[in-house]
Amino acid sequence: MQLTMTGHHVEVTDALRQYVVKKLERVNRHFDQVLDVHCTLTVEKQSHKAEATLHAKGVHLHADATEQSMYAAIDLLVDKLDRMVKKHKEKQSDHHASSHPRSHNS
């Protein structure tokens, strides 16, 4: 998984980068087809915003979160991405399960 991080009005420190990488490992465990993630960290007045776009085979997921601290925003962002990935996986498995032809019992 390739991670690209940018910051608006905030410097993306090694500590922030490592924190995002560590948190995204959970998403990667649930969905190993992640190709790349673009994460943007923004500070506006008293709010910290984290947003990310996740690119995987056949799907692009986007989420954002705003909190009082950057670390809390990242936590919330990863929670949202994790839920979206799980939902996408369920849709995929439901779709494939229903595409199998049913046996004809006459």
N, C-alpha and C. Protein backbone atom coordinates (compact mmCIF):
# COMPACT_ATOMS: atom_id res chain seq x y z
N MET A 1 0.84 -1.17 0.00
CA MET A 1 0.00 0.00 0.00
C MET A 1 0.89 1.24 0.00
N GLN A 2 0.60 2.14 -0.91
CA GLN A 2 1.36 3.38 -1.00
C GLN A 2 0.56 4.48 -0.33
N LEU A 3 1.24 5.28 0.51
CA LEU A 3 0.59 6.36 1.24
C LEU A 3 1.18 7.69 0.82
N THR A 4 0.30 8.62 0.41
CA THR A 4 0.71 9.98 0.10
C THR A 4 0.03 10.90 1.10
N MET A 5 0.83 11.74 1.75
CA MET A 5 0.26 12.65 2.75
C MET A 5 0.61 14.09 2.41
N THR A 6 -0.39 14.96 2.56
CA THR A 6 -0.15 16.39 2.39
C THR A 6 -0.75 17.11 3.59
N GLY A 7 -0.25 18.30 3.84
CA GLY A 7 -0.75 19.09 4.96
C GLY A 7 -1.11 20.49 4.50
N HIS A 8 -2.23 21.00 4.98
CA HIS A 8 -2.65 22.38 4.72
C HIS A 8 -2.60 23.11 6.06
N HIS A 9 -1.75 24.10 6.15
CA HIS A 9 -1.57 24.87 7.38
C HIS A 9 -1.07 24.01 8.53
N VAL A 10 -0.44 22.91 8.20
CA VAL A 10 0.14 22.03 9.21
C VAL A 10 1.31 21.28 8.58
N GLU A 11 2.36 21.11 9.35
CA GLU A 11 3.51 20.35 8.86
C GLU A 11 3.27 18.87 9.16
N VAL A 12 3.43 18.03 8.14
CA VAL A 12 3.26 16.60 8.33
C VAL A 12 4.57 16.05 8.90
N THR A 13 4.58 15.87 10.21
CA THR A 13 5.78 15.40 10.89
C THR A 13 5.90 13.88 10.75
N ASP A 14 7.07 13.37 11.07
CA ASP A 14 7.27 11.91 11.03
C ASP A 14 6.32 11.22 12.02
N ALA A 15 6.09 11.87 13.17
CA ALA A 15 5.19 11.28 14.17
C ALA A 15 3.77 11.15 13.61
N LEU A 16 3.28 12.19 12.93
CA LEU A 16 1.94 12.12 12.33
C LEU A 16 1.90 11.06 11.23
N ARG A 17 2.94 11.03 10.40
CA ARG A 17 2.99 10.05 9.31
C ARG A 17 2.97 8.62 9.87
N GLN A 18 3.79 8.36 10.88
CA GLN A 18 3.84 7.02 11.47
C GLN A 18 2.51 6.65 12.13
N TYR A 19 1.83 7.63 12.73
CA TYR A 19 0.55 7.38 13.36
C TYR A 19 -0.49 6.98 12.31
N VAL A 20 -0.51 7.68 11.20
CA VAL A 20 -1.45 7.36 10.11
C VAL A 20 -1.15 5.97 9.55
N VAL A 21 0.13 5.68 9.32
CA VAL A 21 0.53 4.36 8.79
C VAL A 21 0.08 3.26 9.74
N LYS A 22 0.33 3.46 11.04
CA LYS A 22 -0.04 2.46 12.04
C LYS A 22 -1.56 2.23 12.04
N LYS A 23 -2.33 3.31 11.97
CA LYS A 23 -3.78 3.20 12.00
C LYS A 23 -4.32 2.55 10.72
N LEU A 24 -3.71 2.86 9.58
CA LEU A 24 -4.19 2.30 8.31
C LEU A 24 -3.90 0.81 8.17
N GLU A 25 -3.00 0.29 9.01
CA GLU A 25 -2.72 -1.16 8.97
C GLU A 25 -3.99 -1.94 9.25
N ARG A 26 -4.85 -1.40 10.11
CA ARG A 26 -6.12 -2.08 10.44
C ARG A 26 -7.00 -2.20 9.20
N VAL A 27 -7.08 -1.11 8.43
CA VAL A 27 -7.87 -1.13 7.21
C VAL A 27 -7.27 -2.14 6.23
N ASN A 28 -5.96 -2.14 6.15
CA ASN A 28 -5.27 -3.04 5.23
C ASN A 28 -5.48 -4.50 5.63
N ARG A 29 -5.60 -4.78 6.93
CA ARG A 29 -5.85 -6.16 7.38
C ARG A 29 -7.21 -6.63 6.92
N HIS A 30 -8.21 -5.73 6.94
CA HIS A 30 -9.56 -6.12 6.54
C HIS A 30 -9.74 -6.17 5.03
N PHE A 31 -8.89 -5.45 4.31
CA PHE A 31 -9.04 -5.36 2.86
C PHE A 31 -7.65 -5.24 2.26
N ASP A 32 -7.10 -6.37 1.84
CA ASP A 32 -5.70 -6.40 1.40
C ASP A 32 -5.50 -5.95 -0.05
N GLN A 33 -6.56 -5.50 -0.72
CA GLN A 33 -6.44 -5.08 -2.11
C GLN A 33 -6.22 -3.57 -2.25
N VAL A 34 -5.88 -2.89 -1.15
CA VAL A 34 -5.67 -1.45 -1.18
C VAL A 34 -4.41 -1.14 -1.99
N LEU A 35 -4.57 -0.29 -3.02
CA LEU A 35 -3.43 0.08 -3.84
C LEU A 35 -2.71 1.29 -3.27
N ASP A 36 -3.46 2.37 -3.05
CA ASP A 36 -2.85 3.55 -2.46
C ASP A 36 -3.88 4.38 -1.70
N VAL A 37 -3.36 5.22 -0.82
CA VAL A 37 -4.18 6.08 0.01
C VAL A 37 -3.58 7.48 -0.06
N HIS A 38 -4.43 8.48 -0.30
CA HIS A 38 -3.99 9.87 -0.25
C HIS A 38 -4.67 10.51 0.96
N CYS A 39 -3.86 10.99 1.89
CA CYS A 39 -4.37 11.57 3.12
C CYS A 39 -3.99 13.04 3.19
N THR A 40 -4.97 13.89 3.52
CA THR A 40 -4.74 15.32 3.67
C THR A 40 -5.10 15.74 5.09
N LEU A 41 -4.16 16.40 5.76
CA LEU A 41 -4.38 16.90 7.11
C LEU A 41 -4.48 18.42 7.04
N THR A 42 -5.53 18.98 7.64
CA THR A 42 -5.78 20.42 7.56
C THR A 42 -6.07 20.96 8.96
N VAL A 43 -5.53 22.16 9.23
CA VAL A 43 -5.85 22.85 10.48
C VAL A 43 -6.51 24.17 10.11
N GLU A 44 -7.72 24.39 10.64
CA GLU A 44 -8.45 25.64 10.42
C GLU A 44 -8.93 26.13 11.78
N LYS A 45 -8.40 27.24 12.23
CA LYS A 45 -8.72 27.82 13.53
C LYS A 45 -8.55 26.77 14.61
N GLN A 46 -9.62 26.34 15.26
CA GLN A 46 -9.50 25.38 16.36
C GLN A 46 -9.81 23.94 15.94
N SER A 47 -10.13 23.72 14.68
CA SER A 47 -10.50 22.36 14.26
C SER A 47 -9.40 21.74 13.41
N HIS A 48 -9.24 20.45 13.62
CA HIS A 48 -8.27 19.66 12.86
C HIS A 48 -9.06 18.69 11.99
N LYS A 49 -8.74 18.68 10.70
CA LYS A 49 -9.49 17.84 9.76
C LYS A 49 -8.53 16.86 9.10
N ALA A 50 -8.96 15.61 9.04
CA ALA A 50 -8.21 14.57 8.34
C ALA A 50 -9.13 13.99 7.28
N GLU A 51 -8.66 13.93 6.05
CA GLU A 51 -9.45 13.30 5.00
C GLU A 51 -8.56 12.37 4.20
N ALA A 52 -9.18 11.34 3.65
CA ALA A 52 -8.41 10.36 2.90
C ALA A 52 -9.24 9.79 1.77
N THR A 53 -8.55 9.50 0.67
CA THR A 53 -9.15 8.79 -0.45
C THR A 53 -8.37 7.50 -0.62
N LEU A 54 -9.10 6.41 -0.58
CA LEU A 54 -8.49 5.08 -0.66
C LEU A 54 -8.81 4.51 -2.03
N HIS A 55 -7.79 4.09 -2.74
CA HIS A 55 -7.96 3.49 -4.05
C HIS A 55 -7.65 1.99 -3.95
N ALA A 56 -8.59 1.19 -4.37
CA ALA A 56 -8.40 -0.25 -4.39
C ALA A 56 -8.92 -0.76 -5.72
N LYS A 57 -8.73 -2.02 -5.93
CA LYS A 57 -9.17 -2.62 -7.19
C LYS A 57 -10.68 -2.45 -7.34
N GLY A 58 -11.09 -1.60 -8.27
CA GLY A 58 -12.50 -1.42 -8.58
C GLY A 58 -13.28 -0.49 -7.66
N VAL A 59 -12.61 0.18 -6.73
CA VAL A 59 -13.35 1.05 -5.81
C VAL A 59 -12.47 2.21 -5.33
N HIS A 60 -13.12 3.36 -5.16
CA HIS A 60 -12.47 4.54 -4.58
C HIS A 60 -13.35 4.98 -3.41
N LEU A 61 -12.79 5.00 -2.22
CA LEU A 61 -13.54 5.39 -1.03
C LEU A 61 -12.97 6.68 -0.47
N HIS A 62 -13.85 7.60 -0.06
CA HIS A 62 -13.41 8.87 0.51
C HIS A 62 -14.10 9.10 1.84
N ALA A 63 -13.32 9.54 2.81
CA ALA A 63 -13.89 9.86 4.13
C ALA A 63 -13.14 11.05 4.71
N ASP A 64 -13.83 11.76 5.61
CA ASP A 64 -13.15 12.83 6.33
C ASP A 64 -13.70 12.91 7.74
N ALA A 65 -12.91 13.54 8.61
CA ALA A 65 -13.29 13.67 10.01
C ALA A 65 -12.70 14.96 10.57
N THR A 66 -13.46 15.64 11.41
CA THR A 66 -13.01 16.87 12.04
C THR A 66 -13.13 16.73 13.56
N GLU A 67 -12.06 17.04 14.25
CA GLU A 67 -12.03 16.93 15.71
C GLU A 67 -11.22 18.07 16.31
N GLN A 68 -11.10 18.09 17.63
CA GLN A 68 -10.33 19.11 18.32
C GLN A 68 -8.83 18.87 18.25
N SER A 69 -8.42 17.60 18.09
CA SER A 69 -6.99 17.29 17.94
C SER A 69 -6.79 16.48 16.66
N MET A 70 -5.60 16.58 16.10
CA MET A 70 -5.31 15.88 14.85
C MET A 70 -5.36 14.37 15.04
N TYR A 71 -4.85 13.90 16.17
CA TYR A 71 -4.84 12.45 16.42
C TYR A 71 -6.26 11.90 16.55
N ALA A 72 -7.15 12.64 17.18
CA ALA A 72 -8.55 12.22 17.29
C ALA A 72 -9.21 12.22 15.91
N ALA A 73 -8.89 13.22 15.09
CA ALA A 73 -9.44 13.26 13.73
C ALA A 73 -8.97 12.07 12.91
N ILE A 74 -7.69 11.71 13.06
CA ILE A 74 -7.15 10.55 12.34
C ILE A 74 -7.84 9.27 12.81
N ASP A 75 -8.03 9.13 14.12
CA ASP A 75 -8.72 7.95 14.66
C ASP A 75 -10.12 7.82 14.06
N LEU A 76 -10.86 8.92 14.06
CA LEU A 76 -12.22 8.91 13.52
C LEU A 76 -12.21 8.62 12.03
N LEU A 77 -11.27 9.19 11.32
CA LEU A 77 -11.14 8.95 9.88
C LEU A 77 -10.91 7.47 9.59
N VAL A 78 -9.99 6.86 10.30
CA VAL A 78 -9.69 5.45 10.07
C VAL A 78 -10.88 4.58 10.43
N ASP A 79 -11.61 4.94 11.49
CA ASP A 79 -12.83 4.19 11.84
C ASP A 79 -13.82 4.22 10.68
N LYS A 80 -14.01 5.41 10.10
CA LYS A 80 -14.94 5.55 8.97
C LYS A 80 -14.47 4.73 7.78
N LEU A 81 -13.18 4.82 7.45
CA LEU A 81 -12.65 4.06 6.31
C LEU A 81 -12.81 2.56 6.55
N ASP A 82 -12.56 2.13 7.77
CA ASP A 82 -12.67 0.71 8.10
C ASP A 82 -14.11 0.23 7.90
N ARG A 83 -15.09 1.02 8.36
CA ARG A 83 -16.50 0.66 8.16
C ARG A 83 -16.84 0.60 6.66
N MET A 84 -16.33 1.57 5.90
CA MET A 84 -16.62 1.60 4.46
C MET A 84 -16.02 0.39 3.75
N VAL A 85 -14.82 0.01 4.15
CA VAL A 85 -14.15 -1.15 3.55
C VAL A 85 -14.92 -2.42 3.87
N LYS A 86 -15.34 -2.56 5.13
CA LYS A 86 -16.12 -3.75 5.51
C LYS A 86 -17.42 -3.82 4.72
N LYS A 87 -18.09 -2.67 4.58
CA LYS A 87 -19.35 -2.63 3.83
C LYS A 87 -19.11 -3.00 2.37
N HIS A 88 -18.03 -2.49 1.79
CA HIS A 88 -17.70 -2.82 0.40
C HIS A 88 -17.44 -4.31 0.25
N LYS A 89 -16.70 -4.89 1.20
CA LYS A 89 -16.43 -6.33 1.14
C LYS A 89 -17.71 -7.15 1.24
N GLU A 90 -18.63 -6.71 2.11
CA GLU A 90 -19.91 -7.41 2.25
C GLU A 90 -20.71 -7.33 0.96
N LYS A 91 -20.72 -6.16 0.33
CA LYS A 91 -21.42 -6.01 -0.94
C LYS A 91 -20.83 -6.93 -1.99
N GLN A 92 -19.49 -7.00 -2.03
CA GLN A 92 -18.83 -7.87 -3.00
C GLN A 92 -19.21 -9.32 -2.77
N SER A 93 -19.13 -9.78 -1.52
CA SER A 93 -19.42 -11.18 -1.25
C SER A 93 -20.89 -11.49 -1.46
N ASP A 94 -21.80 -10.56 -1.09
CA ASP A 94 -23.22 -10.78 -1.34
C ASP A 94 -23.50 -10.86 -2.84
N HIS A 95 -22.86 -9.99 -3.60
CA HIS A 95 -23.05 -9.96 -5.04
C HIS A 95 -22.59 -11.26 -5.67
N HIS A 96 -21.42 -11.73 -5.26
CA HIS A 96 -20.89 -12.96 -5.84
C HIS A 96 -21.69 -14.18 -5.40
N ALA A 97 -22.19 -14.16 -4.19
CA ALA A 97 -22.98 -15.30 -3.70
C ALA A 97 -24.30 -15.39 -4.46
N SER A 98 -24.90 -14.26 -4.80
CA SER A 98 -26.18 -14.30 -5.50
C SER A 98 -26.03 -14.55 -7.00
N SER A 99 -24.81 -14.46 -7.51
CA SER A 99 -24.63 -14.66 -8.95
C SER A 99 -24.51 -16.14 -9.33
N HIS A 100 -24.37 -17.01 -8.32
CA HIS A 100 -24.30 -18.44 -8.62
C HIS A 100 -25.69 -18.95 -8.99
N PRO A 101 -25.79 -19.73 -10.04
CA PRO A 101 -27.10 -20.25 -10.43
C PRO A 101 -27.63 -21.22 -9.37
N ARG A 102 -28.92 -21.14 -9.14
CA ARG A 102 -29.53 -22.03 -8.15
C ARG A 102 -29.79 -23.38 -8.80
N SER A 103 -29.70 -24.39 -7.99
CA SER A 103 -29.99 -25.74 -8.51
C SER A 103 -31.49 -25.90 -8.67
N HIS A 104 -31.91 -26.62 -9.67
CA HIS A 104 -33.32 -26.82 -9.94
C HIS A 104 -33.76 -28.12 -9.32
N ASN A 105 -34.58 -28.02 -8.30
CA ASN A 105 -35.12 -29.21 -7.65
C ASN A 105 -36.60 -29.33 -8.04
N SER A 106 -36.85 -30.15 -9.03
CA SER A 106 -38.23 -30.29 -9.50
C SER A 106 -38.87 -31.51 -8.95
